[in-house]
């Protein structure tokens, strides 16, 4: 299980029925496969991939404006209800 999928499933359990949950993770397959095994999470989740970031890793390279002005690609599957 991925940390993102775990967080989505937990949030879905406690969120209102009309919530939309997405993510900012890089790869989708593992996340989506894990979420699609949870009926509640599947109903409220749609994957997304922000086109942002860099090759640098770690807290010292954190950027609080990372997503400003960036494109975000929404990645629904055949099972995405909306």
C-alpha atoms as a PDB file:
ATOM      1  CA  UNK A   1       0.000   0.000   0.000  1.00  0.00           C
ATOM      2  CA  UNK A   2       1.206   3.503  -0.681  1.00  0.00           C
ATOM      3  CA  UNK A   3       1.185   6.355   1.777  1.00  0.00           C
ATOM      4  CA  UNK A   4      -0.930   8.441  -0.594  1.00  0.00           C
ATOM      5  CA  UNK A   5      -3.511   5.679  -1.042  1.00  0.00           C
ATOM      6  CA  UNK A   6      -3.684   5.167   2.717  1.00  0.00           C
ATOM      7  CA  UNK A   7      -4.226   8.898   3.248  1.00  0.00           C
ATOM      8  CA  UNK A   8      -6.929   9.047   0.561  1.00  0.00           C
ATOM      9  CA  UNK A   9      -8.776   6.083   2.054  1.00  0.00           C
ATOM     10  CA  UNK A  10      -8.625   7.614   5.538  1.00  0.00           C
ATOM     11  CA  UNK A  11      -9.787  11.026   4.295  1.00  0.00           C
ATOM     12  CA  UNK A  12     -12.607   9.432   2.281  1.00  0.00           C
ATOM     13  CA  UNK A  13     -13.847   7.635   5.380  1.00  0.00           C
ATOM     14  CA  UNK A  14     -14.228  10.918   7.278  1.00  0.00           C
ATOM     15  CA  UNK A  15     -15.157  13.367   4.513  1.00  0.00           C
ATOM     16  CA  UNK A  16     -18.635  14.397   3.386  1.00  0.00           C
ATOM     17  CA  UNK A  17     -20.141  12.355   0.537  1.00  0.00           C
ATOM     18  CA  UNK A  18     -19.754  15.189  -1.991  1.00  0.00           C
ATOM     19  CA  UNK A  19     -16.013  15.708  -1.434  1.00  0.00           C
ATOM     20  CA  UNK A  20     -13.505  15.396  -4.269  1.00  0.00           C
ATOM     21  CA  UNK A  21     -10.089  14.085  -3.293  1.00  0.00           C
ATOM     22  CA  UNK A  22      -7.064  14.215  -5.564  1.00  0.00           C
ATOM     23  CA  UNK A  23      -3.335  13.839  -5.097  1.00  0.00           C
ATOM     24  CA  UNK A  24      -0.072  15.418  -6.149  1.00  0.00           C
ATOM     25  CA  UNK A  25       1.907  12.213  -6.441  1.00  0.00           C
ATOM     26  CA  UNK A  26       4.052  11.474  -9.433  1.00  0.00           C
ATOM     27  CA  UNK A  27       3.049   7.972 -10.473  1.00  0.00           C
ATOM     28  CA  UNK A  28      -0.552   6.810 -10.472  1.00  0.00           C
ATOM     29  CA  UNK A  29      -0.840   3.061 -11.068  1.00  0.00           C
ATOM     30  CA  UNK A  30      -0.112   1.850  -7.517  1.00  0.00           C
ATOM     31  CA  UNK A  31      -2.148   4.654  -5.956  1.00  0.00           C
ATOM     32  CA  UNK A  32      -5.185   4.149  -8.205  1.00  0.00           C
ATOM     33  CA  UNK A  33      -5.121   0.353  -7.915  1.00  0.00           C
ATOM     34  CA  UNK A  34      -5.095   0.577  -4.121  1.00  0.00           C
ATOM     35  CA  UNK A  35      -7.886   3.147  -4.043  1.00  0.00           C
ATOM     36  CA  UNK A  36     -10.081   1.242  -6.498  1.00  0.00           C
ATOM     37  CA  UNK A  37     -10.243  -1.627  -3.986  1.00  0.00           C
ATOM     38  CA  UNK A  38     -11.988   0.693  -1.508  1.00  0.00           C
ATOM     39  CA  UNK A  39     -15.551   1.529  -2.636  1.00  0.00           C
ATOM     40  CA  UNK A  40     -15.855   4.737  -0.599  1.00  0.00           C
ATOM     41  CA  UNK A  41     -12.462   6.106  -1.682  1.00  0.00           C
ATOM     42  CA  UNK A  42     -13.087   5.181  -5.315  1.00  0.00           C
ATOM     43  CA  UNK A  43     -16.294   7.252  -5.365  1.00  0.00           C
ATOM     44  CA  UNK A  44     -14.515  10.452  -4.271  1.00  0.00           C
ATOM     45  CA  UNK A  45     -11.009  10.182  -5.778  1.00  0.00           C
ATOM     46  CA  UNK A  46      -9.601  11.271  -9.106  1.00  0.00           C
ATOM     47  CA  UNK A  47      -5.875  11.094  -9.676  1.00  0.00           C
ATOM     48  CA  UNK A  48      -3.888  14.088 -10.840  1.00  0.00           C
ATOM     49  CA  UNK A  49      -0.337  14.855 -11.837  1.00  0.00           C
ATOM     50  CA  UNK A  50       0.951  18.381 -11.354  1.00  0.00           C
ATOM     51  CA  UNK A  51       3.649  19.254 -13.858  1.00  0.00           C
ATOM     52  CA  UNK A  52       6.009  20.726 -11.292  1.00  0.00           C
ATOM     53  CA  UNK A  53       9.087  19.849  -9.342  1.00  0.00           C
ATOM     54  CA  UNK A  54      12.721  19.313 -10.056  1.00  0.00           C
ATOM     55  CA  UNK A  55      15.372  16.651  -9.890  1.00  0.00           C
ATOM     56  CA  UNK A  56      16.445  17.903  -6.447  1.00  0.00           C
ATOM     57  CA  UNK A  57      15.197  16.004  -3.416  1.00  0.00           C
ATOM     58  CA  UNK A  58      14.970  16.682   0.285  1.00  0.00           C
ATOM     59  CA  UNK A  59      13.663  19.327   2.640  1.00  0.00           C
ATOM     60  CA  UNK A  60      16.428  21.813   1.853  1.00  0.00           C
ATOM     61  CA  UNK A  61      15.030  22.098  -1.700  1.00  0.00           C
ATOM     62  CA  UNK A  62      11.407  22.662  -0.625  1.00  0.00           C
ATOM     63  CA  UNK A  63       9.595  25.395  -2.561  1.00  0.00           C
ATOM     64  CA  UNK A  64       6.428  26.894  -1.087  1.00  0.00           C
ATOM     65  CA  UNK A  65       5.424  28.192  -4.550  1.00  0.00           C
ATOM     66  CA  UNK A  66       6.050  24.915  -6.378  1.00  0.00           C
ATOM     67  CA  UNK A  67       2.536  24.615  -7.822  1.00  0.00           C
ATOM     68  CA  UNK A  68       1.915  28.282  -8.650  1.00  0.00           C
ATOM     69  CA  UNK A  69       1.195  28.800 -12.334  1.00  0.00           C
ATOM     70  CA  UNK A  70       1.695  25.093 -13.122  1.00  0.00           C
ATOM     71  CA  UNK A  71      -0.484  22.785 -15.180  1.00  0.00           C
ATOM     72  CA  UNK A  72      -2.122  19.876 -13.389  1.00  0.00           C
ATOM     73  CA  UNK A  73      -3.207  16.898 -15.492  1.00  0.00           C
ATOM     74  CA  UNK A  74      -6.297  15.090 -14.177  1.00  0.00           C
ATOM     75  CA  UNK A  75      -6.074  11.320 -14.736  1.00  0.00           C
ATOM     76  CA  UNK A  76      -9.482   9.634 -14.425  1.00  0.00           C
ATOM     77  CA  UNK A  77      -9.860   5.926 -15.157  1.00  0.00           C
ATOM     78  CA  UNK A  78     -12.846   3.977 -16.508  1.00  0.00           C
ATOM     79  CA  UNK A  79     -13.913   3.536 -12.880  1.00  0.00           C
ATOM     80  CA  UNK A  80     -13.800   7.227 -11.973  1.00  0.00           C
ATOM     81  CA  UNK A  81     -17.445   8.144 -11.311  1.00  0.00           C
ATOM     82  CA  UNK A  82     -17.313  11.816 -12.285  1.00  0.00           C
END
